[in-house]
Amino acid sequence: MAKLKDPKITRLSWDEFFMNMAILAAKRAACRYHECGAVYVDKYKRVISVGYNGPTEGDYHCIDVGCAKVDGDPQTKELKRCRGAHAEMNGIANAIDTKRLRGATLYSATFPCYDCMKSLNNVGIKEIIYFEEYLRIKKSGKETEKENEARELADKRSIKIRKYDGKIYCKVSSTDKSEDGCGDCSCSDEN
């Protein structure tokens, strides 16, 4: 729609665009406790791949049956390891050509865990821009812990790390029931 009387004079920065994409992708997550989204971008600012966290194909969805680490197996109630594949791993799997990831930038809603950082290192990610820290839920769900090994590996391999401090334009609530999917939208607050 043309705005002849009030033309647009600014646009999103690349960081704003890709981080907001990662946060929106995170809303597809099936985990009850972590909403993680990942967007891989090449040096020409083209999206290579997108991923979000959730169970492997055909496995239980935590939002349907509970978290394996907190609620236990839906049949035995035995506490088990997380059945989710992380956003970063799914983004690597979703890449049509993983060679394109070498030298790419990752925009991530959460800082990668140590296992994901190992894979990011192996595919050659050069920079990680993240929105918030990742805290792993310990078995039983009573405590969380930070994974310092992930940052140590990034430092050792000279992977540039940057915390995103820009704007988030549309914070879609996990409990939003609105038809337009923008129940907590801050878009109207902008410029």
Protein backbone atom coordinates (compact mmCIF):
# COMPACT_ATOMS: atom_id res chain seq x y z
CA MET A 1 0.00 0.00 0.00
CA ALA A 2 1.46 3.35 -1.02
CA LYS A 3 2.03 5.95 1.71
CA LEU A 4 2.23 9.10 -0.38
CA LYS A 5 1.55 11.45 2.56
CA ASP A 6 3.92 9.72 5.02
CA PRO A 7 6.71 7.97 3.10
CA LYS A 8 9.03 5.56 4.83
CA ILE A 9 12.49 6.97 5.54
CA THR A 10 14.19 4.08 7.38
CA ARG A 11 14.37 0.32 7.15
CA LEU A 12 15.56 -2.55 9.32
CA SER A 13 19.28 -3.11 9.64
CA TRP A 14 20.55 -6.53 8.57
CA ASP A 15 21.05 -7.48 12.23
CA GLU A 16 17.48 -6.47 13.07
CA PHE A 17 16.10 -8.38 10.09
CA PHE A 18 17.96 -11.65 10.71
CA MET A 19 17.61 -11.66 14.51
CA ASN A 20 13.90 -11.03 14.29
CA MET A 21 13.71 -13.93 11.80
CA ALA A 22 15.52 -16.16 14.33
CA ILE A 23 13.14 -15.15 17.11
CA LEU A 24 10.13 -15.77 14.88
CA ALA A 25 11.53 -19.20 13.89
CA ALA A 26 11.90 -19.97 17.62
CA LYS A 27 8.12 -19.73 17.95
CA ARG A 28 7.89 -23.06 16.02
CA ALA A 29 9.77 -24.82 18.85
CA ALA A 30 8.04 -27.80 20.44
CA CYS A 31 9.98 -27.48 23.72
CA ARG A 32 8.08 -26.29 26.78
CA TYR A 33 11.08 -24.45 28.24
CA HIS A 34 13.33 -23.22 25.42
CA GLU A 35 12.31 -21.35 22.30
CA CYS A 36 15.38 -21.42 20.08
CA GLY A 37 15.64 -20.29 16.48
CA ALA A 38 18.64 -20.10 14.16
CA VAL A 39 19.19 -18.28 10.87
CA TYR A 40 22.37 -18.89 8.84
CA VAL A 41 23.42 -16.06 6.54
CA ASP A 42 26.23 -15.88 3.98
CA LYS A 43 28.56 -12.94 3.36
CA TYR A 44 26.15 -11.54 0.76
CA LYS A 45 23.34 -11.32 3.35
CA ARG A 46 21.44 -14.24 1.83
CA VAL A 47 19.68 -16.74 4.07
CA ILE A 48 21.27 -20.19 3.76
CA SER A 49 19.09 -22.04 6.26
CA VAL A 50 16.69 -21.74 9.19
CA GLY A 51 16.19 -24.06 12.15
CA TYR A 52 14.28 -24.29 15.42
CA ASN A 53 14.38 -26.77 18.29
CA GLY A 54 12.10 -29.77 18.46
CA PRO A 55 12.08 -33.56 18.62
CA THR A 56 13.52 -35.66 15.85
CA GLU A 57 11.11 -36.82 13.17
CA GLY A 58 8.38 -39.06 14.55
CA ASP A 59 9.28 -38.58 18.24
CA TYR A 60 7.07 -37.12 20.98
CA HIS A 61 6.56 -33.36 21.10
CA CYS A 62 7.22 -31.98 24.58
CA ILE A 63 4.32 -29.54 24.36
CA ASP A 64 2.06 -32.57 23.90
CA VAL A 65 3.46 -35.11 26.41
CA GLY A 66 5.87 -33.21 28.67
CA CYS A 67 9.61 -32.76 28.89
CA ALA A 68 11.68 -35.96 29.13
CA LYS A 69 14.06 -34.30 31.63
CA VAL A 70 11.37 -32.77 33.83
CA ASP A 71 8.23 -34.91 33.42
CA GLY A 72 9.89 -38.13 32.28
CA ASP A 73 9.01 -40.62 29.57
CA PRO A 74 5.27 -40.41 28.82
CA GLN A 75 4.87 -44.18 29.36
CA THR A 76 7.38 -45.06 32.11
CA LYS A 77 7.74 -41.63 33.80
CA GLU A 78 11.50 -42.32 33.98
CA LEU A 79 13.53 -39.10 33.66
CA LYS A 80 15.55 -39.14 30.45
CA ARG A 81 17.73 -36.93 28.29
CA CYS A 82 16.15 -34.22 26.16
CA ARG A 83 14.63 -35.64 22.98
CA GLY A 84 14.90 -32.32 21.14
CA ALA A 85 17.25 -31.51 18.32
CA HIS A 86 18.56 -27.98 18.78
CA ALA A 87 17.84 -25.12 16.39
CA GLU A 88 21.48 -24.87 15.32
CA MET A 89 21.64 -28.60 14.46
CA ASN A 90 18.32 -28.46 12.60
CA GLY A 91 19.55 -25.42 10.68
CA ILE A 92 22.65 -27.35 9.61
CA ALA A 93 20.48 -30.32 8.60
CA ASN A 94 18.13 -28.01 6.66
CA ALA A 95 20.95 -26.44 4.64
CA ILE A 96 20.76 -27.70 1.06
CA ASP A 97 24.54 -27.45 0.76
CA THR A 98 26.42 -27.43 4.06
CA LYS A 99 29.54 -26.15 2.28
CA ARG A 100 27.77 -22.79 2.06
CA LEU A 101 27.90 -22.58 5.86
CA ARG A 102 31.70 -22.17 5.84
CA GLY A 103 32.35 -18.51 6.66
CA ALA A 104 28.67 -17.83 7.41
CA THR A 105 27.10 -15.90 10.28
CA LEU A 106 24.61 -17.49 12.67
CA TYR A 107 21.82 -15.39 14.16
CA SER A 108 20.50 -17.31 17.14
CA ALA A 109 17.71 -16.58 19.61
CA THR A 110 19.85 -18.29 22.27
CA PHE A 111 23.58 -18.75 22.68
CA PRO A 112 24.54 -22.22 21.38
CA CYS A 113 25.13 -25.09 23.79
CA TYR A 114 28.48 -26.88 23.76
CA ASP A 115 27.30 -29.71 21.48
CA CYS A 116 25.95 -27.21 18.95
CA MET A 117 29.13 -25.12 19.18
CA LYS A 118 31.16 -28.20 18.22
CA SER A 119 29.04 -28.61 15.09
CA LEU A 120 29.18 -24.89 14.32
CA ASN A 121 32.95 -25.06 14.55
CA ASN A 122 33.08 -28.08 12.24
CA VAL A 123 30.97 -26.43 9.51
CA GLY A 124 33.08 -23.26 9.70
CA ILE A 125 30.75 -20.61 11.16
CA LYS A 126 32.76 -17.39 11.52
CA GLU A 127 30.39 -15.29 13.65
CA ILE A 128 27.54 -15.92 16.08
CA ILE A 129 25.11 -13.17 17.01
CA TYR A 130 22.77 -14.22 19.81
CA PHE A 131 19.84 -12.69 21.67
CA GLU A 132 19.93 -14.38 25.09
CA GLU A 133 22.03 -16.85 27.07
CA TYR A 134 21.25 -20.56 27.02
CA LEU A 135 20.84 -22.26 30.39
CA ARG A 136 20.64 -26.03 30.23
CA ILE A 137 17.92 -27.58 32.36
CA LYS A 138 19.36 -30.21 34.67
CA LYS A 139 17.59 -33.55 35.08
CA SER A 140 14.40 -33.14 37.16
CA GLY A 141 14.05 -29.50 36.11
CA LYS A 142 14.97 -28.06 39.50
CA GLU A 143 18.15 -26.30 38.38
CA THR A 144 19.80 -24.83 35.30
CA GLU A 145 23.44 -24.45 34.36
CA LYS A 146 25.49 -22.35 31.97
CA GLU A 147 27.78 -24.15 29.53
CA ASN A 148 31.09 -22.30 29.62
CA GLU A 149 32.70 -24.85 27.28
CA ALA A 150 30.76 -23.43 24.32
CA ARG A 151 32.27 -19.97 24.73
CA GLU A 152 35.71 -21.45 25.40
CA LEU A 153 35.58 -23.38 22.10
CA ALA A 154 34.42 -20.29 20.20
CA ASP A 155 37.33 -18.31 21.67
CA LYS A 156 39.83 -21.08 20.88
CA ARG A 157 38.64 -21.27 17.25
CA SER A 158 38.32 -17.46 16.83
CA ILE A 159 34.59 -17.60 16.18
CA LYS A 160 33.39 -14.04 16.70
CA ILE A 161 30.64 -13.78 19.35
CA ARG A 162 28.32 -10.81 19.67
CA LYS A 163 25.26 -10.28 21.86
CA TYR A 164 22.43 -8.67 19.90
CA ASP A 165 21.31 -5.39 21.44
CA GLY A 166 18.94 -4.15 18.75
CA LYS A 167 15.19 -3.98 18.57
CA ILE A 168 12.80 -6.91 18.60
CA TYR A 169 9.80 -5.91 16.54
CA CYS A 170 7.21 -8.57 17.14
CA LYS A 171 7.31 -10.56 20.35
CA VAL A 172 4.70 -13.21 19.67
CA SER A 173 3.52 -14.68 22.96
CA SER A 174 3.60 -18.46 23.40
CA THR A 175 0.02 -18.31 24.66
CA ASP A 176 -1.25 -16.00 21.89
CA LYS A 177 -4.60 -17.08 20.48
CA SER A 178 -5.16 -14.16 18.11
CA GLU A 179 -5.94 -14.84 14.47
CA ASP A 180 -3.19 -12.58 13.15
CA GLY A 181 -0.53 -14.26 15.34
CA CYS A 182 0.69 -10.92 16.63
CA GLY A 183 -0.81 -10.77 20.12
CA ASP A 184 2.02 -8.85 21.77
CA CYS A 185 3.26 -6.89 18.81
CA SER A 186 5.44 -3.87 19.39
CA CYS A 187 5.44 -2.95 15.70
CA SER A 188 3.21 0.07 16.27
CA ASP A 189 5.65 1.41 18.89
CA GLU A 190 8.36 1.88 16.28
CA ASN A 191 9.28 5.11 14.46
